[in-house]
C-alpha atoms as a PDB file:
ATOM      1  CA  MET A   1      14.533   6.688   0.161  1.00  0.00           C
ATOM      2  CA  SER A   2      16.813   4.029  -1.730  1.00  0.00           C
ATOM      3  CA  SER A   3      20.138   2.513  -1.022  1.00  0.00           C
ATOM      4  CA  GLU A   4      21.664   4.315  -4.350  1.00  0.00           C
ATOM      5  CA  ALA A   5      21.630   1.143  -6.026  1.00  0.00           C
ATOM      6  CA  PRO A   6      19.364  -0.437  -8.765  1.00  0.00           C
ATOM      7  CA  TRP A   7      16.485  -2.626  -6.803  1.00  0.00           C
ATOM      8  CA  GLN A   8      18.552  -5.591  -9.077  1.00  0.00           C
ATOM      9  CA  GLN A   9      21.530  -4.673  -6.267  1.00  0.00           C
ATOM     10  CA  GLN A  10      19.043  -4.495  -3.153  1.00  0.00           C
ATOM     11  CA  GLY A  11      17.765  -8.306  -3.186  1.00  0.00           C
ATOM     12  CA  TYR A  12      15.555  -8.149  -5.869  1.00  0.00           C
ATOM     13  CA  GLY A  13      17.216 -10.330  -8.780  1.00  0.00           C
ATOM     14  CA  ASP A  14      16.352  -9.997 -12.391  1.00  0.00           C
ATOM     15  CA  TYR A  15      13.146  -8.214 -11.608  1.00  0.00           C
ATOM     16  CA  LEU A  16      11.530  -5.865 -14.072  1.00  0.00           C
ATOM     17  CA  GLY A  17       8.103  -4.477 -14.015  1.00  0.00           C
ATOM     18  CA  THR A  18       7.022  -2.042 -11.978  1.00  0.00           C
ATOM     19  CA  ALA A  19       7.981  -1.080  -8.719  1.00  0.00           C
ATOM     20  CA  TRP A  20       6.815   1.339  -5.351  1.00  0.00           C
ATOM     21  CA  TYR A  21       8.881   3.195  -3.094  1.00  0.00           C
ATOM     22  CA  ARG A  22       7.238   4.772   0.110  1.00  0.00           C
ATOM     23  CA  ARG A  23       8.446   7.080   2.664  1.00  0.00           C
ATOM     24  CA  GLU A  24       7.128   9.373   5.340  1.00  0.00           C
ATOM     25  CA  PHE A  25       8.200  12.358   6.165  1.00  0.00           C
ATOM     26  CA  VAL A  26       7.286  15.524   8.212  1.00  0.00           C
ATOM     27  CA  SER A  27       7.907  18.874   6.309  1.00  0.00           C
ATOM     28  CA  PRO A  28      10.495  21.283   7.831  1.00  0.00           C
ATOM     29  CA  PRO A  29       9.027  25.046   8.486  1.00  0.00           C
ATOM     30  CA  LEU A  30       8.461  27.212   5.512  1.00  0.00           C
ATOM     31  CA  GLN A  31       8.417  30.850   5.260  1.00  0.00           C
ATOM     32  CA  LYS A  32       5.768  32.968   3.321  1.00  0.00           C
ATOM     33  CA  ASN A  33       8.802  33.456   0.371  1.00  0.00           C
ATOM     34  CA  GLN A  34      10.050  29.526   0.471  1.00  0.00           C
ATOM     35  CA  HIS A  35       9.401  26.850  -1.652  1.00  0.00           C
ATOM     36  CA  LEU A  36       9.977  22.889  -0.773  1.00  0.00           C
ATOM     37  CA  ILE A  37      11.186  20.666  -3.854  1.00  0.00           C
ATOM     38  CA  LEU A  38      11.509  17.145  -3.983  1.00  0.00           C
ATOM     39  CA  ALA A  39      14.963  16.569  -5.944  1.00  0.00           C
ATOM     40  CA  PHE A  40      15.762  13.544  -7.537  1.00  0.00           C
ATOM     41  CA  SER A  41      19.110  12.539  -8.473  1.00  0.00           C
ATOM     42  CA  ALA A  42      18.584  10.113 -10.661  1.00  0.00           C
ATOM     43  CA  VAL A  43      15.677   7.644 -11.612  1.00  0.00           C
ATOM     44  CA  ASP A  44      16.241   4.386 -14.390  1.00  0.00           C
ATOM     45  CA  GLY A  45      12.774   3.867 -14.968  1.00  0.00           C
ATOM     46  CA  ASP A  46       9.572   5.577 -15.867  1.00  0.00           C
ATOM     47  CA  ALA A  47       8.495   7.559 -12.685  1.00  0.00           C
ATOM     48  CA  THR A  48       5.518   9.012 -11.072  1.00  0.00           C
ATOM     49  CA  VAL A  49       5.141  10.795  -7.850  1.00  0.00           C
ATOM     50  CA  TRP A  50       2.714  11.295  -5.658  1.00  0.00           C
ATOM     51  CA  VAL A  51       3.005  13.270  -1.703  1.00  0.00           C
ATOM     52  CA  ASN A  52      -0.155  12.603   0.471  1.00  0.00           C
ATOM     53  CA  GLY A  53      -1.888  10.631  -2.820  1.00  0.00           C
ATOM     54  CA  LYS A  54      -1.769  13.820  -4.910  1.00  0.00           C
ATOM     55  CA  GLU A  55       0.274  13.002  -7.825  1.00  0.00           C
ATOM     56  CA  VAL A  56       2.807  15.721  -7.818  1.00  0.00           C
ATOM     57  CA  GLY A  57       4.147  15.041 -11.352  1.00  0.00           C
ATOM     58  CA  ARG A  58       6.178  12.418 -13.583  1.00  0.00           C
ATOM     59  CA  HIS A  59       9.493  11.116 -15.063  1.00  0.00           C
ATOM     60  CA  ASP A  60      10.184   9.507 -18.040  1.00  0.00           C
ATOM     61  CA  LEU A  61      12.652   7.458 -18.675  1.00  0.00           C
ATOM     62  CA  PHE A  62      12.866   8.947 -22.587  1.00  0.00           C
ATOM     63  CA  ASP A  63      12.362  12.391 -23.084  1.00  0.00           C
ATOM     64  CA  LEU A  64      10.037  13.999 -26.055  1.00  0.00           C
ATOM     65  CA  ASP A  65      13.163  13.648 -28.522  1.00  0.00           C
ATOM     66  CA  GLY A  66      14.216   9.989 -27.529  1.00  0.00           C
ATOM     67  CA  ILE A  67      16.888  10.550 -25.570  1.00  0.00           C
ATOM     68  CA  ASN A  68      17.223   8.058 -22.335  1.00  0.00           C
ATOM     69  CA  CYS A  69      16.994  10.479 -19.453  1.00  0.00           C
ATOM     70  CA  TRP A  70      18.079   7.031 -16.833  1.00  0.00           C
ATOM     71  CA  ASP A  71      21.134  10.019 -15.444  1.00  0.00           C
ATOM     72  CA  ALA A  72      18.893  13.034 -15.407  1.00  0.00           C
ATOM     73  CA  PRO A  73      18.009  15.102 -11.972  1.00  0.00           C
ATOM     74  CA  PHE A  74      14.755  16.226 -11.864  1.00  0.00           C
ATOM     75  CA  ASP A  75      12.421  17.780  -9.101  1.00  0.00           C
ATOM     76  CA  PHE A  76       8.874  18.733  -8.156  1.00  0.00           C
ATOM     77  CA  ASP A  77       7.568  21.753  -6.180  1.00  0.00           C
ATOM     78  CA  ILE A  78       5.891  20.236  -3.101  1.00  0.00           C
ATOM     79  CA  THR A  79       4.869  22.936  -1.121  1.00  0.00           C
ATOM     80  CA  ASP A  80       1.264  23.256  -2.153  1.00  0.00           C
ATOM     81  CA  PHE A  81       0.849  18.739  -1.632  1.00  0.00           C
ATOM     82  CA  VAL A  82       2.501  18.884   1.985  1.00  0.00           C
ATOM     83  CA  ASN A  83       0.540  19.354   4.910  1.00  0.00           C
ATOM     84  CA  PRO A  84       1.742  21.629   7.691  1.00  0.00           C
ATOM     85  CA  GLN A  85       4.712  21.205   9.746  1.00  0.00           C
ATOM     86  CA  GLY A  86       4.729  19.272  12.484  1.00  0.00           C
ATOM     87  CA  LYS A  87       2.250  16.207  10.676  1.00  0.00           C
ATOM     88  CA  PRO A  88       3.373  13.406   8.787  1.00  0.00           C
ATOM     89  CA  ASN A  89       3.263  13.163   4.985  1.00  0.00           C
ATOM     90  CA  THR A  90       3.374   9.770   2.521  1.00  0.00           C
ATOM     91  CA  LEU A  91       5.911  10.252  -0.691  1.00  0.00           C
ATOM     92  CA  ALA A  92       5.418   7.749  -2.745  1.00  0.00           C
ATOM     93  CA  VAL A  93       7.176   6.726  -6.215  1.00  0.00           C
ATOM     94  CA  ARG A  94       6.158   4.211  -8.714  1.00  0.00           C
ATOM     95  CA  VAL A  95       9.452   3.473 -11.075  1.00  0.00           C
ATOM     96  CA  THR A  96       8.494   0.938 -14.209  1.00  0.00           C
ATOM     97  CA  LYS A  97      11.239  -0.349 -16.254  1.00  0.00           C
ATOM     98  CA  THR A  98      11.271  -3.486 -18.803  1.00  0.00           C
ATOM     99  CA  SER A  99      15.098  -4.047 -19.152  1.00  0.00           C
ATOM    100  CA  GLY A 100      18.052  -3.316 -17.429  1.00  0.00           C
ATOM    101  CA  ALA A 101      19.112  -2.004 -13.682  1.00  0.00           C
ATOM    102  CA  ALA A 102      16.239   0.230 -12.414  1.00  0.00           C
ATOM    103  CA  GLY A 103      14.909   2.164  -9.679  1.00  0.00           C
ATOM    104  CA  ILE A 104      15.295   4.650  -7.628  1.00  0.00           C
ATOM    105  CA  TYR A 105      19.571   4.754  -7.589  1.00  0.00           C
ATOM    106  CA  ARG A 106      21.387   8.211  -6.427  1.00  0.00           C
ATOM    107  CA  SER A 107      19.737  10.114  -3.589  1.00  0.00           C
ATOM    108  CA  VAL A 108      16.566  12.073  -3.234  1.00  0.00           C
ATOM    109  CA  LYS A 109      16.430  15.740  -1.258  1.00  0.00           C
ATOM    110  CA  LEU A 110      13.963  17.671   0.384  1.00  0.00           C
ATOM    111  CA  LEU A 111      14.997  21.086  -0.278  1.00  0.00           C
ATOM    112  CA  ARG A 112      13.693  24.728   1.167  1.00  0.00           C
ATOM    113  CA  VAL A 113      14.191  27.064  -1.396  1.00  0.00           C
ATOM    114  CA  GLU A 114      13.429  31.057  -2.211  1.00  0.00           C
ATOM    115  CA  LYS A 115      10.624  31.843  -4.548  1.00  0.00           C
END
């Protein structure tokens, strides 16, 4: 989903505000004892994630203790949000940041895991 660089280094200069990332994917086959996890290595900014138009979760730039989480990994179980195998899914991520570098700047992975 990213070139592993803040959006300022992807041709968007000094832009600050809200940006959208969107990608289509096909779910891998899942056994009854497996879940599908969407794992973000890091996002610099407030991030909201949707799969097929349904919100699956949020990651805030600052946690409840006020600690900046710009480099913290996070993930969501998207098993209940994906279409059956072979059908396309749409992943959308909205990132908002009002200062400094911003965006999805580390890898995003789709993982099949045991329950």
